[in-house]
Amino acid sequence: MEDTTTKYLDTKTAARLIGFSYKTLESWRSKGEGPRYHQLPNKRVRYLREDLDEWVNHLSDTATKH
């Protein structure tokens, strides 16, 4: 079982946390969309839990305004 309480999450863990596939997150990154991410010097991508929470909350706020 993965630890979603850690501050930095890999793409697969981040995707499961917000309910999308990791391929969707990869696609969004290539288009400059989706939640904020960080690319480490070794080229690995990590997401901050707080950035994911903020992004999901923004989606919820936008959806309730329509």
N, C-alpha and C. Protein backbone atom coordinates (compact mmCIF):
# COMPACT_ATOMS: atom_id res chain seq x y z
N MET A 1 0.84 -1.18 0.00
CA MET A 1 0.00 0.00 0.00
C MET A 1 0.89 1.25 0.00
N GLU A 2 0.54 2.21 -0.85
CA GLU A 2 1.34 3.42 -0.96
C GLU A 2 1.02 4.41 0.15
N ASP A 3 1.98 5.26 0.42
CA ASP A 3 1.83 6.26 1.46
C ASP A 3 1.46 7.59 0.81
N THR A 4 0.19 7.97 0.90
CA THR A 4 -0.26 9.25 0.32
C THR A 4 -0.15 10.39 1.33
N THR A 5 0.42 10.11 2.51
CA THR A 5 0.60 11.17 3.50
C THR A 5 1.94 11.87 3.33
N THR A 6 2.83 11.32 2.52
CA THR A 6 4.13 11.93 2.30
C THR A 6 3.96 13.24 1.54
N LYS A 7 4.90 14.14 1.69
CA LYS A 7 4.81 15.45 1.07
C LYS A 7 4.97 15.38 -0.44
N TYR A 8 5.90 14.57 -0.93
CA TYR A 8 6.16 14.45 -2.36
C TYR A 8 5.64 13.12 -2.88
N LEU A 9 4.84 13.16 -3.95
CA LEU A 9 4.24 11.96 -4.49
C LEU A 9 4.69 11.74 -5.92
N ASP A 10 4.89 10.47 -6.29
CA ASP A 10 5.21 10.20 -7.69
C ASP A 10 3.93 10.30 -8.52
N THR A 11 4.07 10.19 -9.82
CA THR A 11 2.93 10.41 -10.72
C THR A 11 1.81 9.42 -10.48
N LYS A 12 2.13 8.15 -10.34
CA LYS A 12 1.08 7.14 -10.15
C LYS A 12 0.31 7.34 -8.85
N THR A 13 1.03 7.66 -7.80
CA THR A 13 0.37 7.89 -6.51
C THR A 13 -0.48 9.15 -6.56
N ALA A 14 0.05 10.21 -7.16
CA ALA A 14 -0.69 11.47 -7.29
C ALA A 14 -1.96 11.25 -8.10
N ALA A 15 -1.85 10.50 -9.19
CA ALA A 15 -3.01 10.25 -10.04
C ALA A 15 -4.10 9.50 -9.29
N ARG A 16 -3.72 8.47 -8.56
CA ARG A 16 -4.71 7.72 -7.78
C ARG A 16 -5.37 8.61 -6.73
N LEU A 17 -4.59 9.48 -6.13
CA LEU A 17 -5.12 10.35 -5.09
C LEU A 17 -6.20 11.29 -5.62
N ILE A 18 -6.01 11.81 -6.83
CA ILE A 18 -6.99 12.77 -7.37
C ILE A 18 -7.99 12.13 -8.33
N GLY A 19 -7.86 10.82 -8.55
CA GLY A 19 -8.88 10.11 -9.31
C GLY A 19 -8.71 10.13 -10.82
N PHE A 20 -7.48 10.30 -11.29
CA PHE A 20 -7.19 10.25 -12.72
C PHE A 20 -6.11 9.20 -12.96
N SER A 21 -5.94 8.81 -14.22
CA SER A 21 -4.87 7.87 -14.53
C SER A 21 -3.54 8.61 -14.59
N TYR A 22 -2.46 7.87 -14.40
CA TYR A 22 -1.15 8.50 -14.48
C TYR A 22 -0.86 8.96 -15.90
N LYS A 23 -1.45 8.29 -16.89
CA LYS A 23 -1.30 8.71 -18.29
C LYS A 23 -1.94 10.08 -18.51
N THR A 24 -3.04 10.33 -17.83
CA THR A 24 -3.69 11.65 -17.93
C THR A 24 -2.78 12.72 -17.37
N LEU A 25 -2.17 12.46 -16.21
CA LEU A 25 -1.25 13.44 -15.64
C LEU A 25 -0.06 13.67 -16.57
N GLU A 26 0.45 12.61 -17.17
CA GLU A 26 1.57 12.76 -18.11
C GLU A 26 1.15 13.60 -19.31
N SER A 27 -0.04 13.36 -19.81
CA SER A 27 -0.55 14.13 -20.94
C SER A 27 -0.71 15.60 -20.58
N TRP A 28 -1.29 15.85 -19.42
CA TRP A 28 -1.46 17.24 -18.98
C TRP A 28 -0.12 17.94 -18.84
N ARG A 29 0.87 17.26 -18.30
CA ARG A 29 2.20 17.87 -18.16
C ARG A 29 2.75 18.28 -19.51
N SER A 30 2.59 17.42 -20.51
CA SER A 30 3.13 17.73 -21.84
C SER A 30 2.43 18.92 -22.48
N LYS A 31 1.19 19.20 -22.02
CA LYS A 31 0.41 20.32 -22.56
C LYS A 31 0.47 21.56 -21.67
N GLY A 32 1.17 21.44 -20.55
CA GLY A 32 1.21 22.57 -19.61
C GLY A 32 -0.07 22.73 -18.82
N GLU A 33 -0.81 21.64 -18.64
CA GLU A 33 -2.08 21.67 -17.91
C GLU A 33 -1.97 20.84 -16.63
N GLY A 34 -3.07 20.79 -15.90
CA GLY A 34 -3.12 19.94 -14.71
C GLY A 34 -2.46 20.57 -13.50
N PRO A 35 -2.32 19.78 -12.45
CA PRO A 35 -1.73 20.29 -11.21
C PRO A 35 -0.24 20.60 -11.37
N ARG A 36 0.22 21.51 -10.53
CA ARG A 36 1.64 21.87 -10.51
C ARG A 36 2.48 20.65 -10.16
N TYR A 37 3.65 20.56 -10.78
CA TYR A 37 4.57 19.46 -10.50
C TYR A 37 5.99 19.99 -10.44
N HIS A 38 6.88 19.15 -9.98
CA HIS A 38 8.29 19.51 -9.85
C HIS A 38 9.12 18.43 -10.53
N GLN A 39 10.03 18.86 -11.39
CA GLN A 39 10.94 17.90 -12.03
C GLN A 39 12.28 17.98 -11.31
N LEU A 40 12.70 16.86 -10.79
CA LEU A 40 13.95 16.79 -10.04
C LEU A 40 15.15 16.74 -10.98
N PRO A 41 16.35 17.00 -10.48
CA PRO A 41 17.54 16.95 -11.33
C PRO A 41 17.72 15.61 -12.06
N ASN A 42 17.21 14.53 -11.49
CA ASN A 42 17.32 13.21 -12.12
C ASN A 42 16.18 12.95 -13.12
N LYS A 43 15.41 14.01 -13.42
CA LYS A 43 14.29 13.98 -14.39
C LYS A 43 13.02 13.33 -13.85
N ARG A 44 13.05 12.86 -12.64
CA ARG A 44 11.83 12.30 -12.06
C ARG A 44 10.88 13.43 -11.70
N VAL A 45 9.60 13.14 -11.78
CA VAL A 45 8.57 14.13 -11.51
C VAL A 45 7.94 13.82 -10.15
N ARG A 46 7.72 14.85 -9.38
CA ARG A 46 7.04 14.71 -8.09
C ARG A 46 5.98 15.80 -7.95
N TYR A 47 4.92 15.43 -7.26
CA TYR A 47 3.83 16.35 -6.97
C TYR A 47 3.80 16.59 -5.47
N LEU A 48 3.60 17.82 -5.09
CA LEU A 48 3.40 18.13 -3.68
C LEU A 48 1.94 17.88 -3.33
N ARG A 49 1.72 17.23 -2.22
CA ARG A 49 0.34 16.94 -1.78
C ARG A 49 -0.48 18.21 -1.70
N GLU A 50 0.10 19.29 -1.18
CA GLU A 50 -0.65 20.54 -1.04
C GLU A 50 -1.02 21.14 -2.40
N ASP A 51 -0.18 20.97 -3.42
CA ASP A 51 -0.50 21.44 -4.77
C ASP A 51 -1.67 20.65 -5.36
N LEU A 52 -1.69 19.35 -5.11
CA LEU A 52 -2.80 18.53 -5.60
C LEU A 52 -4.10 18.93 -4.92
N ASP A 53 -4.05 19.13 -3.61
CA ASP A 53 -5.25 19.54 -2.87
C ASP A 53 -5.77 20.88 -3.38
N GLU A 54 -4.86 21.81 -3.60
CA GLU A 54 -5.24 23.14 -4.10
C GLU A 54 -5.87 23.03 -5.50
N TRP A 55 -5.29 22.22 -6.36
CA TRP A 55 -5.79 22.06 -7.72
C TRP A 55 -7.20 21.44 -7.71
N VAL A 56 -7.40 20.41 -6.90
CA VAL A 56 -8.72 19.77 -6.80
C VAL A 56 -9.74 20.76 -6.24
N ASN A 57 -9.36 21.53 -5.24
CA ASN A 57 -10.27 22.52 -4.67
C ASN A 57 -10.64 23.57 -5.71
N HIS A 58 -9.67 23.96 -6.53
CA HIS A 58 -9.95 24.93 -7.60
C HIS A 58 -10.97 24.35 -8.59
N LEU A 59 -10.83 23.06 -8.94
CA LEU A 59 -11.78 22.42 -9.84
C LEU A 59 -13.17 22.43 -9.22
N SER A 60 -13.24 22.13 -7.94
CA SER A 60 -14.54 22.10 -7.24
C SER A 60 -15.16 23.49 -7.23
N ASP A 61 -14.36 24.51 -6.96
CA ASP A 61 -14.86 25.88 -6.94
C ASP A 61 -15.37 26.31 -8.31
N THR A 62 -14.65 25.95 -9.35
CA THR A 62 -15.03 26.30 -10.71
C THR A 62 -16.32 25.59 -11.10
N ALA A 63 -16.46 24.34 -10.72
CA ALA A 63 -17.65 23.56 -11.07
C ALA A 63 -18.90 24.09 -10.40
N THR A 64 -18.78 24.61 -9.19
CA THR A 64 -19.95 25.11 -8.47
C THR A 64 -20.38 26.49 -8.93
N LYS A 65 -19.54 27.17 -9.70
CA LYS A 65 -19.88 28.51 -10.18
C LYS A 65 -20.64 28.48 -11.50
N HIS A 66 -20.74 27.30 -12.12
CA HIS A 66 -21.45 27.21 -13.41
C HIS A 66 -22.86 26.76 -13.25
